[in-house]
Amino acid sequence: MADPTAWEENDRLRVVASEATARAAQGAGARRLVQESISFVYADGGDGWLDEDAPVAGGGPTTSALTAERNAREFFGGDTVVLRFGLFLGADSDSARAALEAARGGVSMAAGPPGAYRPTIGLDDAAAAVAAALRAPAGTYNVVDTDPPTNAEIDAAWLPLSVSRGSGPGRSRTGRWHVRSV
């Protein structure tokens, strides 16, 4: 995101609401707390598979997610399950609709180089993970597809969905596709 203030509300909600939720759950006598997080918190692992024990890298939008995870563990005394979700994909996903609109303008929503892996998860699978978290042992779980695509693969998948016949948004007069990172 080009506007550094765009994440301020998200960050405030993650930090303040996670502590308030954990304290309220503790006060109500709940035995389990499920905390939402994101799978984009990991340090670059190159081509290696990143599991829940991989090093994290705070900074930017990941800082508030890591703070929310810490708040859930520190302010709640029962079993805490942290679900680190990948990028939501599905017809009802705001992130998918935003990526399609960006592609129509010839812009990639990808953070990082084209060969970087982008952890994704379908909406139905994400919902199933939340239900499973009610019975899973306490801990942190990545909720992502088992075969993550690269940024280039996702951008290529958006291409036919975003371009109408002939020259249009995202196409030059020569018909060549231009993708630029934001």
N, C-alpha and C. Protein backbone atom coordinates (compact mmCIF):
# COMPACT_ATOMS: atom_id res chain seq x y z
N MET A 1 0.84 -1.18 0.00
CA MET A 1 0.00 0.00 0.00
C MET A 1 0.89 1.24 0.00
N ALA A 2 0.57 2.13 -0.89
CA ALA A 2 1.36 3.34 -1.00
C ALA A 2 1.10 4.30 0.15
N ASP A 3 -0.10 4.32 0.68
CA ASP A 3 -0.48 5.22 1.76
C ASP A 3 -0.18 4.57 3.11
N PRO A 4 0.82 5.10 3.84
CA PRO A 4 1.19 4.46 5.11
C PRO A 4 0.09 4.51 6.16
N THR A 5 -0.89 5.40 6.00
CA THR A 5 -1.98 5.48 6.98
C THR A 5 -3.08 4.45 6.71
N ALA A 6 -3.01 3.77 5.57
CA ALA A 6 -4.07 2.84 5.20
C ALA A 6 -4.22 1.70 6.19
N TRP A 7 -3.16 1.33 6.88
CA TRP A 7 -3.20 0.21 7.81
C TRP A 7 -3.47 0.64 9.24
N GLU A 8 -3.59 1.93 9.52
CA GLU A 8 -3.73 2.41 10.90
C GLU A 8 -4.95 1.82 11.61
N GLU A 9 -6.10 1.82 10.97
CA GLU A 9 -7.32 1.29 11.60
C GLU A 9 -7.19 -0.21 11.84
N ASN A 10 -6.67 -0.93 10.84
CA ASN A 10 -6.44 -2.36 10.98
C ASN A 10 -5.50 -2.63 12.17
N ASP A 11 -4.42 -1.90 12.24
CA ASP A 11 -3.45 -2.10 13.32
C ASP A 11 -4.06 -1.79 14.68
N ARG A 12 -4.80 -0.69 14.76
CA ARG A 12 -5.44 -0.32 16.03
C ARG A 12 -6.41 -1.41 16.48
N LEU A 13 -7.22 -1.90 15.56
CA LEU A 13 -8.18 -2.95 15.91
C LEU A 13 -7.48 -4.22 16.35
N ARG A 14 -6.44 -4.60 15.64
CA ARG A 14 -5.72 -5.82 16.02
C ARG A 14 -5.13 -5.70 17.41
N VAL A 15 -4.50 -4.58 17.69
CA VAL A 15 -3.81 -4.42 18.97
C VAL A 15 -4.80 -4.23 20.12
N VAL A 16 -5.71 -3.28 19.98
CA VAL A 16 -6.64 -2.96 21.06
C VAL A 16 -7.70 -4.05 21.24
N ALA A 17 -8.29 -4.48 20.13
CA ALA A 17 -9.38 -5.46 20.23
C ALA A 17 -8.88 -6.83 20.70
N SER A 18 -7.67 -7.22 20.32
CA SER A 18 -7.17 -8.52 20.75
C SER A 18 -6.97 -8.57 22.25
N GLU A 19 -6.47 -7.49 22.82
CA GLU A 19 -6.31 -7.46 24.29
C GLU A 19 -7.67 -7.45 24.97
N ALA A 20 -8.59 -6.61 24.47
CA ALA A 20 -9.92 -6.52 25.07
C ALA A 20 -10.65 -7.86 24.98
N THR A 21 -10.54 -8.53 23.85
CA THR A 21 -11.20 -9.83 23.67
C THR A 21 -10.62 -10.87 24.62
N ALA A 22 -9.30 -10.92 24.71
CA ALA A 22 -8.65 -11.89 25.59
C ALA A 22 -9.04 -11.65 27.04
N ARG A 23 -9.05 -10.39 27.46
CA ARG A 23 -9.43 -10.08 28.85
C ARG A 23 -10.89 -10.42 29.10
N ALA A 24 -11.77 -10.12 28.14
CA ALA A 24 -13.19 -10.42 28.30
C ALA A 24 -13.43 -11.93 28.36
N ALA A 25 -12.73 -12.68 27.52
CA ALA A 25 -12.88 -14.14 27.53
C ALA A 25 -12.39 -14.71 28.86
N GLN A 26 -11.31 -14.16 29.37
CA GLN A 26 -10.78 -14.60 30.66
C GLN A 26 -11.80 -14.29 31.76
N GLY A 27 -12.34 -13.09 31.74
CA GLY A 27 -13.32 -12.68 32.74
C GLY A 27 -14.60 -13.48 32.69
N ALA A 28 -14.96 -13.95 31.51
CA ALA A 28 -16.19 -14.73 31.35
C ALA A 28 -15.99 -16.20 31.67
N GLY A 29 -14.76 -16.58 31.93
CA GLY A 29 -14.49 -17.98 32.26
C GLY A 29 -14.38 -18.90 31.06
N ALA A 30 -14.14 -18.34 29.88
CA ALA A 30 -13.98 -19.18 28.69
C ALA A 30 -12.77 -20.08 28.84
N ARG A 31 -12.83 -21.25 28.25
CA ARG A 31 -11.71 -22.19 28.35
C ARG A 31 -10.82 -22.15 27.11
N ARG A 32 -11.31 -21.54 26.02
CA ARG A 32 -10.56 -21.52 24.76
C ARG A 32 -10.76 -20.19 24.06
N LEU A 33 -9.67 -19.69 23.48
CA LEU A 33 -9.71 -18.47 22.69
C LEU A 33 -9.07 -18.76 21.34
N VAL A 34 -9.76 -18.42 20.26
CA VAL A 34 -9.22 -18.57 18.92
C VAL A 34 -8.90 -17.17 18.39
N GLN A 35 -7.62 -16.94 18.10
CA GLN A 35 -7.15 -15.63 17.63
C GLN A 35 -6.81 -15.71 16.15
N GLU A 36 -7.40 -14.83 15.37
CA GLU A 36 -7.08 -14.71 13.94
C GLU A 36 -5.74 -14.04 13.77
N SER A 37 -4.98 -14.48 12.78
CA SER A 37 -3.72 -13.83 12.43
C SER A 37 -3.48 -14.04 10.94
N ILE A 38 -2.31 -13.67 10.48
CA ILE A 38 -1.98 -13.78 9.06
C ILE A 38 -0.70 -14.60 8.88
N SER A 39 -0.63 -15.28 7.75
CA SER A 39 0.54 -16.12 7.49
C SER A 39 1.70 -15.34 6.87
N PHE A 40 1.55 -14.05 6.72
CA PHE A 40 2.58 -13.22 6.10
C PHE A 40 3.58 -12.69 7.12
N VAL A 41 3.63 -13.29 8.29
CA VAL A 41 4.50 -12.81 9.37
C VAL A 41 5.90 -13.41 9.32
N TYR A 42 6.13 -14.38 8.45
CA TYR A 42 7.39 -15.11 8.45
C TYR A 42 8.49 -14.37 7.71
N ALA A 43 9.73 -14.57 8.19
CA ALA A 43 10.89 -14.06 7.48
C ALA A 43 11.02 -14.83 6.17
N ASP A 44 11.67 -14.24 5.20
CA ASP A 44 11.85 -14.87 3.90
C ASP A 44 12.59 -16.20 4.07
N GLY A 45 11.98 -17.25 3.59
CA GLY A 45 12.59 -18.58 3.70
C GLY A 45 13.11 -19.10 2.37
N GLY A 46 13.16 -18.21 1.35
CA GLY A 46 13.61 -18.66 0.04
C GLY A 46 12.66 -19.70 -0.50
N ASP A 47 13.22 -20.82 -0.99
CA ASP A 47 12.40 -21.91 -1.54
C ASP A 47 11.97 -22.90 -0.47
N GLY A 48 12.40 -22.68 0.78
CA GLY A 48 12.08 -23.61 1.85
C GLY A 48 10.63 -23.50 2.30
N TRP A 49 10.10 -24.64 2.77
CA TRP A 49 8.74 -24.66 3.30
C TRP A 49 8.75 -24.00 4.67
N LEU A 50 7.84 -23.08 4.91
CA LEU A 50 7.76 -22.38 6.19
C LEU A 50 6.64 -22.97 7.01
N ASP A 51 6.99 -23.54 8.15
CA ASP A 51 5.96 -24.05 9.04
C ASP A 51 5.81 -23.10 10.23
N GLU A 52 5.01 -23.50 11.17
CA GLU A 52 4.69 -22.64 12.32
C GLU A 52 5.91 -22.31 13.18
N ASP A 53 6.99 -23.06 13.05
CA ASP A 53 8.19 -22.80 13.83
C ASP A 53 9.21 -21.93 13.10
N ALA A 54 8.91 -21.52 11.88
CA ALA A 54 9.83 -20.68 11.11
C ALA A 54 9.95 -19.31 11.78
N PRO A 55 11.09 -18.66 11.64
CA PRO A 55 11.27 -17.32 12.23
C PRO A 55 10.28 -16.32 11.64
N VAL A 56 9.77 -15.45 12.51
CA VAL A 56 8.87 -14.38 12.05
C VAL A 56 9.68 -13.10 11.88
N ALA A 57 9.12 -12.19 11.09
CA ALA A 57 9.77 -10.90 10.86
C ALA A 57 8.73 -9.81 11.08
N GLY A 58 8.84 -9.12 12.20
CA GLY A 58 7.92 -8.03 12.48
C GLY A 58 8.23 -6.85 11.57
N GLY A 59 7.36 -5.88 11.64
CA GLY A 59 7.53 -4.68 10.83
C GLY A 59 6.35 -4.53 9.89
N GLY A 60 5.98 -3.29 9.63
CA GLY A 60 4.85 -3.03 8.74
C GLY A 60 3.57 -3.63 9.28
N PRO A 61 2.71 -4.13 8.39
CA PRO A 61 1.42 -4.66 8.81
C PRO A 61 1.52 -5.95 9.63
N THR A 62 2.67 -6.61 9.62
CA THR A 62 2.79 -7.84 10.41
C THR A 62 2.94 -7.58 11.90
N THR A 63 3.40 -6.40 12.27
CA THR A 63 3.63 -6.10 13.67
C THR A 63 2.35 -6.22 14.49
N SER A 64 1.25 -5.67 13.99
CA SER A 64 0.00 -5.73 14.75
C SER A 64 -0.54 -7.15 14.84
N ALA A 65 -0.31 -7.96 13.81
CA ALA A 65 -0.76 -9.35 13.86
C ALA A 65 0.01 -10.11 14.94
N LEU A 66 1.31 -9.89 15.00
CA LEU A 66 2.13 -10.55 16.03
C LEU A 66 1.76 -10.05 17.43
N THR A 67 1.43 -8.77 17.54
CA THR A 67 0.98 -8.21 18.83
C THR A 67 -0.33 -8.85 19.25
N ALA A 68 -1.25 -9.03 18.31
CA ALA A 68 -2.53 -9.67 18.63
C ALA A 68 -2.31 -11.10 19.10
N GLU A 69 -1.41 -11.82 18.47
CA GLU A 69 -1.10 -13.18 18.91
C GLU A 69 -0.56 -13.18 20.34
N ARG A 70 0.36 -12.26 20.61
CA ARG A 70 0.95 -12.16 21.95
C ARG A 70 -0.12 -11.78 22.97
N ASN A 71 -1.00 -10.83 22.62
CA ASN A 71 -2.06 -10.43 23.54
C ASN A 71 -2.97 -11.61 23.88
N ALA A 72 -3.31 -12.41 22.90
CA ALA A 72 -4.18 -13.56 23.15
C ALA A 72 -3.53 -14.52 24.14
N ARG A 73 -2.24 -14.74 23.99
CA ARG A 73 -1.53 -15.67 24.88
C ARG A 73 -1.32 -15.08 26.28
N GLU A 74 -1.01 -13.78 26.34
CA GLU A 74 -0.68 -13.16 27.63
C GLU A 74 -1.90 -12.81 28.48
N PHE A 75 -2.98 -12.38 27.85
CA PHE A 75 -4.12 -11.88 28.61
C PHE A 75 -5.24 -12.91 28.77
N PHE A 76 -5.04 -14.11 28.24
CA PHE A 76 -6.03 -15.17 28.38
C PHE A 76 -5.35 -16.36 29.02
N GLY A 77 -5.94 -16.90 30.06
CA GLY A 77 -5.31 -17.99 30.80
C GLY A 77 -5.66 -19.38 30.33
N GLY A 78 -6.60 -19.50 29.41
CA GLY A 78 -7.00 -20.83 28.94
C GLY A 78 -6.22 -21.25 27.71
N ASP A 79 -6.75 -22.24 27.01
CA ASP A 79 -6.13 -22.71 25.77
C ASP A 79 -6.28 -21.65 24.69
N THR A 80 -5.18 -21.29 24.05
CA THR A 80 -5.21 -20.31 22.97
C THR A 80 -4.81 -20.99 21.67
N VAL A 81 -5.63 -20.81 20.65
CA VAL A 81 -5.33 -21.31 19.31
C VAL A 81 -5.20 -20.09 18.41
N VAL A 82 -4.05 -19.98 17.76
CA VAL A 82 -3.80 -18.90 16.80
C VAL A 82 -3.88 -19.50 15.41
N LEU A 83 -4.71 -18.89 14.57
CA LEU A 83 -4.85 -19.33 13.18
C LEU A 83 -4.24 -18.27 12.28
N ARG A 84 -3.14 -18.62 11.62
CA ARG A 84 -2.47 -17.72 10.69
C ARG A 84 -2.97 -18.02 9.28
N PHE A 85 -3.92 -17.20 8.84
CA PHE A 85 -4.57 -17.41 7.55
C PHE A 85 -3.73 -16.88 6.40
N GLY A 86 -3.81 -17.60 5.26
CA GLY A 86 -3.25 -17.10 4.01
C GLY A 86 -4.21 -16.09 3.40
N LEU A 87 -3.88 -15.63 2.22
CA LEU A 87 -4.72 -14.70 1.48
C LEU A 87 -6.02 -15.42 1.11
N PHE A 88 -7.15 -14.84 1.51
CA PHE A 88 -8.45 -15.45 1.22
C PHE A 88 -8.77 -15.36 -0.26
N LEU A 89 -9.16 -16.50 -0.83
CA LEU A 89 -9.57 -16.56 -2.23
C LEU A 89 -10.97 -17.15 -2.32
N GLY A 90 -11.81 -16.51 -3.07
CA GLY A 90 -13.17 -16.98 -3.27
C GLY A 90 -14.01 -15.86 -3.86
N ALA A 91 -15.14 -16.24 -4.42
CA ALA A 91 -16.01 -15.25 -5.07
C ALA A 91 -16.46 -14.16 -4.11
N ASP A 92 -16.58 -14.47 -2.83
CA ASP A 92 -17.04 -13.49 -1.85
C ASP A 92 -15.90 -12.80 -1.12
N SER A 93 -14.68 -13.01 -1.55
CA SER A 93 -13.52 -12.46 -0.87
C SER A 93 -13.21 -11.05 -1.35
N ASP A 94 -13.14 -10.11 -0.40
CA ASP A 94 -12.77 -8.74 -0.76
C ASP A 94 -11.38 -8.68 -1.38
N SER A 95 -10.45 -9.50 -0.86
CA SER A 95 -9.10 -9.47 -1.41
C SER A 95 -9.08 -9.97 -2.86
N ALA A 96 -9.89 -10.97 -3.17
CA ALA A 96 -9.95 -11.46 -4.55
C ALA A 96 -10.57 -10.41 -5.47
N ARG A 97 -11.62 -9.75 -5.00
CA ARG A 97 -12.24 -8.70 -5.83
C ARG A 97 -11.27 -7.54 -6.04
N ALA A 98 -10.51 -7.18 -5.01
CA ALA A 98 -9.53 -6.10 -5.15
C ALA A 98 -8.42 -6.49 -6.12
N ALA A 99 -7.97 -7.74 -6.06
CA ALA A 99 -6.92 -8.20 -6.97
C ALA A 99 -7.41 -8.19 -8.41
N LEU A 100 -8.66 -8.57 -8.63
CA LEU A 100 -9.22 -8.56 -9.98
C LEU A 100 -9.31 -7.13 -10.50
N GLU A 101 -9.77 -6.21 -9.67
CA GLU A 101 -9.84 -4.80 -10.09
C GLU A 101 -8.45 -4.26 -10.40
N ALA A 102 -7.47 -4.60 -9.57
CA ALA A 102 -6.09 -4.16 -9.82
C ALA A 102 -5.58 -4.72 -11.14
N ALA A 103 -5.87 -6.00 -11.39
CA ALA A 103 -5.44 -6.64 -12.63
C ALA A 103 -6.07 -5.96 -13.84
N ARG A 104 -7.31 -5.53 -13.70
CA ARG A 104 -7.97 -4.81 -14.81
C ARG A 104 -7.24 -3.51 -15.13
N GLY A 105 -6.58 -2.95 -14.11
CA GLY A 105 -5.80 -1.74 -14.33
C GLY A 105 -4.35 -2.03 -14.66
N GLY A 106 -4.00 -3.31 -14.81
CA GLY A 106 -2.63 -3.67 -15.15
C GLY A 106 -1.68 -3.66 -13.97
N VAL A 107 -2.23 -3.76 -12.75
CA VAL A 107 -1.42 -3.70 -11.55
C VAL A 107 -1.47 -5.03 -10.81
N SER A 108 -0.34 -5.46 -10.31
CA SER A 108 -0.28 -6.66 -9.49
C SER A 108 -0.43 -6.27 -8.02
N MET A 109 -1.20 -7.04 -7.28
CA MET A 109 -1.33 -6.81 -5.84
C MET A 109 -0.23 -7.50 -5.05
N ALA A 110 0.67 -8.18 -5.76
CA ALA A 110 1.70 -8.99 -5.11
C ALA A 110 2.69 -8.13 -4.34
N ALA A 111 3.00 -8.61 -3.15
CA ALA A 111 4.09 -8.03 -2.37
C ALA A 111 5.28 -8.94 -2.57
N GLY A 112 6.33 -8.42 -3.15
CA GLY A 112 7.51 -9.22 -3.37
C GLY A 112 7.70 -9.57 -4.83
N PRO A 113 8.77 -10.29 -5.12
CA PRO A 113 9.10 -10.62 -6.51
C PRO A 113 8.15 -11.66 -7.10
N PRO A 114 8.12 -11.79 -8.42
CA PRO A 114 7.21 -12.73 -9.07
C PRO A 114 7.39 -14.18 -8.61
N GLY A 115 8.59 -14.60 -8.27
CA GLY A 115 8.83 -15.97 -7.85
C GLY A 115 8.53 -16.26 -6.40
N ALA A 116 8.16 -15.23 -5.63
CA ALA A 116 7.86 -15.43 -4.21
C ALA A 116 6.54 -16.19 -4.06
N TYR A 117 6.50 -17.08 -3.08
CA TYR A 117 5.27 -17.82 -2.82
C TYR A 117 4.28 -16.95 -2.06
N ARG A 118 3.01 -17.09 -2.41
CA ARG A 118 1.95 -16.35 -1.75
C ARG A 118 0.99 -17.35 -1.12
N PRO A 119 1.02 -17.47 0.20
CA PRO A 119 0.11 -18.42 0.85
C PRO A 119 -1.34 -17.99 0.67
N THR A 120 -2.16 -18.92 0.22
CA THR A 120 -3.58 -18.64 -0.03
C THR A 120 -4.43 -19.68 0.69
N ILE A 121 -5.71 -19.38 0.79
CA ILE A 121 -6.66 -20.34 1.37
C ILE A 121 -8.05 -20.02 0.82
N GLY A 122 -8.77 -21.05 0.43
CA GLY A 122 -10.15 -20.87 0.00
C GLY A 122 -11.04 -20.56 1.20
N LEU A 123 -12.11 -19.85 0.95
CA LEU A 123 -13.00 -19.43 2.04
C LEU A 123 -13.62 -20.62 2.78
N ASP A 124 -14.03 -21.65 2.05
CA ASP A 124 -14.62 -22.82 2.71
C ASP A 124 -13.60 -23.53 3.59
N ASP A 125 -12.37 -23.62 3.11
CA ASP A 125 -11.32 -24.25 3.91
C ASP A 125 -10.98 -23.43 5.15
N ALA A 126 -11.02 -22.11 5.01
CA ALA A 126 -10.77 -21.24 6.17
C ALA A 126 -11.86 -21.44 7.23
N ALA A 127 -13.10 -21.53 6.78
CA ALA A 127 -14.21 -21.75 7.72
C ALA A 127 -14.07 -23.10 8.42
N ALA A 128 -13.67 -24.12 7.69
CA ALA A 128 -13.46 -25.44 8.29
C ALA A 128 -12.34 -25.40 9.34
N ALA A 129 -11.31 -24.60 9.08
CA ALA A 129 -10.21 -24.47 10.05
C ALA A 129 -10.68 -23.82 11.34
N VAL A 130 -11.55 -22.83 11.23
CA VAL A 130 -12.08 -22.19 12.44
C VAL A 130 -12.87 -23.19 13.26
N ALA A 131 -13.70 -23.98 12.61
CA ALA A 131 -14.47 -25.00 13.32
C ALA A 131 -13.53 -26.03 13.97
N ALA A 132 -12.49 -26.43 13.26
CA ALA A 132 -11.54 -27.40 13.79
C ALA A 132 -10.76 -26.84 14.98
N ALA A 133 -10.55 -25.53 14.99
CA ALA A 133 -9.80 -24.89 16.08
C ALA A 133 -10.49 -25.04 17.43
N LEU A 134 -11.78 -25.29 17.41
CA LEU A 134 -12.51 -25.47 18.67
C LEU A 134 -12.14 -26.77 19.36
N ARG A 135 -11.57 -27.72 18.60
CA ARG A 135 -11.18 -29.02 19.16
C ARG A 135 -9.68 -29.27 19.11
N ALA A 136 -8.94 -28.47 18.38
CA ALA A 136 -7.50 -28.70 18.19
C ALA A 136 -6.73 -28.38 19.47
N PRO A 137 -5.58 -29.00 19.64
CA PRO A 137 -4.74 -28.63 20.79
C PRO A 137 -4.32 -27.16 20.70
N ALA A 138 -4.11 -26.54 21.84
CA ALA A 138 -3.64 -25.15 21.86
C ALA A 138 -2.36 -25.05 21.05
N GLY A 139 -2.19 -23.93 20.36
CA GLY A 139 -0.99 -23.72 19.57
C GLY A 139 -1.25 -22.79 18.41
N THR A 140 -0.27 -22.68 17.54
CA THR A 140 -0.35 -21.82 16.36
C THR A 140 -0.41 -22.71 15.13
N TYR A 141 -1.33 -22.37 14.23
CA TYR A 141 -1.53 -23.17 13.02
C TYR A 141 -1.57 -22.27 11.79
N ASN A 142 -0.82 -22.65 10.76
CA ASN A 142 -0.94 -21.99 9.47
C ASN A 142 -2.16 -22.55 8.76
N VAL A 143 -3.01 -21.68 8.27
CA VAL A 143 -4.21 -22.08 7.54
C VAL A 143 -4.01 -21.62 6.10
N VAL A 144 -3.35 -22.50 5.33
CA VAL A 144 -2.96 -22.17 3.96
C VAL A 144 -3.10 -23.41 3.09
N ASP A 145 -3.17 -23.20 1.78
CA ASP A 145 -3.18 -24.32 0.85
C ASP A 145 -1.85 -25.05 0.94
N THR A 146 -1.85 -26.34 0.65
CA THR A 146 -0.64 -27.15 0.77
C THR A 146 0.31 -26.97 -0.40
N ASP A 147 -0.13 -26.34 -1.48
CA ASP A 147 0.71 -26.11 -2.64
C ASP A 147 0.59 -24.64 -3.03
N PRO A 148 1.30 -23.75 -2.31
CA PRO A 148 1.10 -22.32 -2.54
C PRO A 148 1.62 -21.88 -3.91
N PRO A 149 0.85 -21.03 -4.57
CA PRO A 149 1.29 -20.49 -5.86
C PRO A 149 2.29 -19.36 -5.67
N THR A 150 3.00 -19.03 -6.73
CA THR A 150 3.88 -17.87 -6.70
C THR A 150 3.07 -16.63 -7.09
N ASN A 151 3.65 -15.48 -6.83
CA ASN A 151 3.01 -14.23 -7.25
C ASN A 151 2.74 -14.25 -8.75
N ALA A 152 3.71 -14.72 -9.53
CA ALA A 152 3.55 -14.75 -10.98
C ALA A 152 2.40 -15.68 -11.38
N GLU A 153 2.25 -16.81 -10.71
CA GLU A 153 1.16 -17.73 -11.04
C GLU A 153 -0.20 -17.12 -10.73
N ILE A 154 -0.30 -16.42 -9.62
CA ILE A 154 -1.57 -15.77 -9.29
C ILE A 154 -1.87 -14.66 -10.27
N ASP A 155 -0.86 -13.84 -10.59
CA ASP A 155 -1.07 -12.76 -11.57
C ASP A 155 -1.51 -13.33 -12.92
N ALA A 156 -0.89 -14.43 -13.34
CA ALA A 156 -1.26 -15.05 -14.61
C ALA A 156 -2.69 -15.58 -14.58
N ALA A 157 -3.13 -16.07 -13.44
CA ALA A 157 -4.50 -16.56 -13.31
C ALA A 157 -5.52 -15.44 -13.41
N TRP A 158 -5.15 -14.25 -12.92
CA TRP A 158 -6.08 -13.11 -12.99
C TRP A 158 -6.20 -12.57 -14.41
N LEU A 159 -5.17 -12.74 -15.21
CA LEU A 159 -5.12 -12.14 -16.54
C LEU A 159 -6.34 -12.43 -17.40
N PRO A 160 -6.70 -13.70 -17.63
CA PRO A 160 -7.86 -13.94 -18.50
C PRO A 160 -9.18 -13.46 -17.90
N LEU A 161 -9.24 -13.37 -16.59
CA LEU A 161 -10.47 -12.91 -15.94
C LEU A 161 -10.62 -11.39 -16.00
N SER A 162 -9.49 -10.70 -16.20
CA SER A 162 -9.51 -9.25 -16.09
C SER A 162 -9.55 -8.52 -17.42
N VAL A 163 -9.28 -9.22 -18.51
CA VAL A 163 -9.16 -8.56 -19.81
C VAL A 163 -10.33 -8.92 -20.70
N SER A 164 -10.96 -7.89 -21.21
CA SER A 164 -12.04 -8.13 -22.17
C SER A 164 -11.42 -8.23 -23.56
N ARG A 165 -12.24 -8.48 -24.57
CA ARG A 165 -11.73 -8.60 -25.93
C ARG A 165 -11.07 -7.31 -26.37
N GLY A 166 -10.02 -7.47 -27.17
CA GLY A 166 -9.36 -6.32 -27.75
C GLY A 166 -8.61 -5.53 -26.71
N SER A 167 -8.36 -4.27 -27.04
CA SER A 167 -7.63 -3.40 -26.14
C SER A 167 -8.57 -2.92 -25.05
N GLY A 168 -8.17 -3.03 -23.82
CA GLY A 168 -9.00 -2.61 -22.71
C GLY A 168 -8.13 -2.37 -21.50
N PRO A 169 -8.74 -2.25 -20.33
CA PRO A 169 -7.95 -2.02 -19.13
C PRO A 169 -6.89 -3.09 -18.96
N GLY A 170 -5.67 -2.64 -18.72
CA GLY A 170 -4.58 -3.57 -18.51
C GLY A 170 -3.88 -3.99 -19.80
N ARG A 171 -4.36 -3.51 -20.94
CA ARG A 171 -3.72 -3.86 -22.21
C ARG A 171 -3.26 -2.59 -22.91
N SER A 172 -2.14 -2.72 -23.57
CA SER A 172 -1.67 -1.61 -24.39
C SER A 172 -2.30 -1.73 -25.76
N ARG A 173 -2.05 -0.78 -26.64
CA ARG A 173 -2.60 -0.85 -27.99
C ARG A 173 -2.05 -2.05 -28.77
N THR A 174 -0.89 -2.55 -28.36
CA THR A 174 -0.31 -3.71 -29.04
C THR A 174 -0.87 -5.01 -28.48
N GLY A 175 -1.70 -4.94 -27.45
CA GLY A 175 -2.27 -6.13 -26.85
C GLY A 175 -1.37 -6.80 -25.83
N ARG A 176 -0.23 -6.20 -25.53
CA ARG A 176 0.69 -6.77 -24.54
C ARG A 176 0.22 -6.38 -23.15
N TRP A 177 0.32 -7.30 -22.23
CA TRP A 177 -0.11 -7.10 -20.84
C TRP A 177 1.03 -6.47 -20.05
N HIS A 178 0.72 -5.48 -19.27
CA HIS A 178 1.72 -4.84 -18.42
C HIS A 178 1.30 -4.98 -16.97
N VAL A 179 2.16 -5.58 -16.17
CA VAL A 179 1.89 -5.73 -14.75
C VAL A 179 3.00 -4.99 -14.01
N ARG A 180 2.59 -4.18 -13.07
CA ARG A 180 3.57 -3.47 -12.27
C ARG A 180 3.23 -3.70 -10.81
N SER A 181 4.24 -3.86 -9.98
CA SER A 181 4.02 -4.05 -8.55
C SER A 181 3.67 -2.75 -7.89
N VAL A 182 2.87 -2.82 -6.84
CA VAL A 182 2.52 -1.63 -6.07
C VAL A 182 3.17 -1.69 -4.71
